[in-house]
Amino acid sequence: MSIDFLSEIESFRRKKSFSIATLGRIADVLEIPIEDFFKTEQKI
């Protein structure tokens, strides 16, 4: 996975889609559960 590809994912200017497998690879590198990407903050 290239730095350019990761930059495109993070960019707000360009919509970039990617697979759940790619998301899993990113979660593995960050050492977090993939579910953490889908959590929303609950406001009190």
N, C-alpha and C. Protein backbone atom coordinates (compact mmCIF):
# COMPACT_ATOMS: atom_id res chain seq x y z
N MET A 1 0.86 -1.16 0.00
CA MET A 1 0.00 0.00 0.00
C MET A 1 0.92 1.23 0.00
N SER A 2 0.74 2.08 -0.96
CA SER A 2 1.64 3.22 -1.11
C SER A 2 1.20 4.42 -0.26
N ILE A 3 2.12 5.28 0.00
CA ILE A 3 1.82 6.52 0.73
C ILE A 3 0.84 7.37 -0.08
N ASP A 4 0.99 7.38 -1.40
CA ASP A 4 0.08 8.15 -2.26
C ASP A 4 -1.36 7.64 -2.12
N PHE A 5 -1.53 6.30 -2.07
CA PHE A 5 -2.86 5.72 -1.91
C PHE A 5 -3.46 6.13 -0.57
N LEU A 6 -2.67 6.05 0.49
CA LEU A 6 -3.16 6.45 1.81
C LEU A 6 -3.51 7.93 1.84
N SER A 7 -2.73 8.75 1.16
CA SER A 7 -3.02 10.18 1.09
C SER A 7 -4.34 10.44 0.39
N GLU A 8 -4.63 9.68 -0.65
CA GLU A 8 -5.90 9.83 -1.37
C GLU A 8 -7.08 9.45 -0.48
N ILE A 9 -6.91 8.40 0.32
CA ILE A 9 -7.98 7.99 1.24
C ILE A 9 -8.26 9.11 2.24
N GLU A 10 -7.21 9.74 2.75
CA GLU A 10 -7.36 10.78 3.76
C GLU A 10 -7.84 12.11 3.20
N SER A 11 -7.70 12.32 1.90
CA SER A 11 -8.01 13.61 1.29
C SER A 11 -9.52 13.89 1.29
N PHE A 12 -9.87 15.09 1.69
CA PHE A 12 -11.27 15.52 1.65
C PHE A 12 -11.63 16.04 0.26
N ARG A 13 -10.65 16.39 -0.52
CA ARG A 13 -10.90 16.95 -1.85
C ARG A 13 -11.29 15.89 -2.86
N ARG A 14 -10.91 14.68 -2.62
CA ARG A 14 -11.17 13.62 -3.60
C ARG A 14 -11.82 12.43 -2.92
N LYS A 15 -12.91 11.99 -3.47
CA LYS A 15 -13.59 10.81 -2.91
C LYS A 15 -12.88 9.57 -3.42
N LYS A 16 -12.49 8.72 -2.51
CA LYS A 16 -11.77 7.51 -2.86
C LYS A 16 -12.41 6.34 -2.13
N SER A 17 -12.77 5.32 -2.87
CA SER A 17 -13.32 4.14 -2.23
C SER A 17 -12.22 3.09 -2.11
N PHE A 18 -12.39 2.20 -1.15
CA PHE A 18 -11.45 1.12 -0.96
C PHE A 18 -12.17 -0.05 -0.31
N SER A 19 -11.58 -1.20 -0.37
CA SER A 19 -12.24 -2.42 0.09
C SER A 19 -12.14 -2.58 1.61
N ILE A 20 -12.97 -3.44 2.13
CA ILE A 20 -12.92 -3.76 3.55
C ILE A 20 -11.61 -4.46 3.87
N ALA A 21 -11.04 -5.18 2.91
CA ALA A 21 -9.74 -5.82 3.11
C ALA A 21 -8.65 -4.77 3.33
N THR A 22 -8.71 -3.68 2.56
CA THR A 22 -7.76 -2.58 2.75
C THR A 22 -7.93 -1.97 4.13
N LEU A 23 -9.17 -1.77 4.54
CA LEU A 23 -9.43 -1.22 5.87
C LEU A 23 -8.87 -2.16 6.94
N GLY A 24 -9.01 -3.46 6.72
CA GLY A 24 -8.46 -4.44 7.65
C GLY A 24 -6.94 -4.35 7.74
N ARG A 25 -6.29 -4.14 6.62
CA ARG A 25 -4.82 -3.99 6.62
C ARG A 25 -4.39 -2.75 7.38
N ILE A 26 -5.14 -1.65 7.20
CA ILE A 26 -4.83 -0.41 7.92
C ILE A 26 -5.02 -0.63 9.42
N ALA A 27 -6.11 -1.30 9.80
CA ALA A 27 -6.37 -1.59 11.22
C ALA A 27 -5.26 -2.44 11.81
N ASP A 28 -4.79 -3.42 11.05
CA ASP A 28 -3.69 -4.28 11.53
C ASP A 28 -2.43 -3.47 11.81
N VAL A 29 -2.09 -2.59 10.89
CA VAL A 29 -0.88 -1.77 11.05
C VAL A 29 -1.02 -0.84 12.26
N LEU A 30 -2.21 -0.30 12.45
CA LEU A 30 -2.45 0.60 13.58
C LEU A 30 -2.68 -0.15 14.89
N GLU A 31 -2.79 -1.48 14.78
CA GLU A 31 -3.03 -2.35 15.94
C GLU A 31 -4.30 -1.96 16.69
N ILE A 32 -5.38 -1.77 15.91
CA ILE A 32 -6.69 -1.48 16.49
C ILE A 32 -7.71 -2.40 15.84
N PRO A 33 -8.80 -2.67 16.54
CA PRO A 33 -9.85 -3.50 15.92
C PRO A 33 -10.51 -2.73 14.78
N ILE A 34 -10.85 -3.43 13.73
CA ILE A 34 -11.48 -2.79 12.57
C ILE A 34 -12.78 -2.09 12.98
N GLU A 35 -13.45 -2.62 14.01
CA GLU A 35 -14.71 -2.03 14.48
C GLU A 35 -14.54 -0.58 14.93
N ASP A 36 -13.33 -0.22 15.36
CA ASP A 36 -13.09 1.15 15.84
C ASP A 36 -13.34 2.19 14.75
N PHE A 37 -13.22 1.81 13.49
CA PHE A 37 -13.47 2.74 12.41
C PHE A 37 -14.96 3.10 12.28
N PHE A 38 -15.81 2.27 12.85
CA PHE A 38 -17.24 2.45 12.71
C PHE A 38 -17.92 3.00 13.95
N LYS A 39 -17.15 3.22 15.00
CA LYS A 39 -17.72 3.76 16.24
C LYS A 39 -18.03 5.23 16.06
N THR A 40 -19.12 5.65 16.67
CA THR A 40 -19.45 7.07 16.66
C THR A 40 -19.41 7.59 18.07
N GLU A 41 -19.06 8.85 18.19
CA GLU A 41 -19.01 9.49 19.50
C GLU A 41 -20.41 9.78 19.97
N GLN A 42 -20.68 9.44 21.20
CA GLN A 42 -21.98 9.75 21.76
C GLN A 42 -21.85 11.04 22.55
N LYS A 43 -22.70 12.00 22.19
CA LYS A 43 -22.69 13.28 22.89
C LYS A 43 -23.65 13.21 24.07
N ILE A 44 -23.19 13.73 25.18
CA ILE A 44 -24.00 13.72 26.40
C ILE A 44 -24.76 15.02 26.53
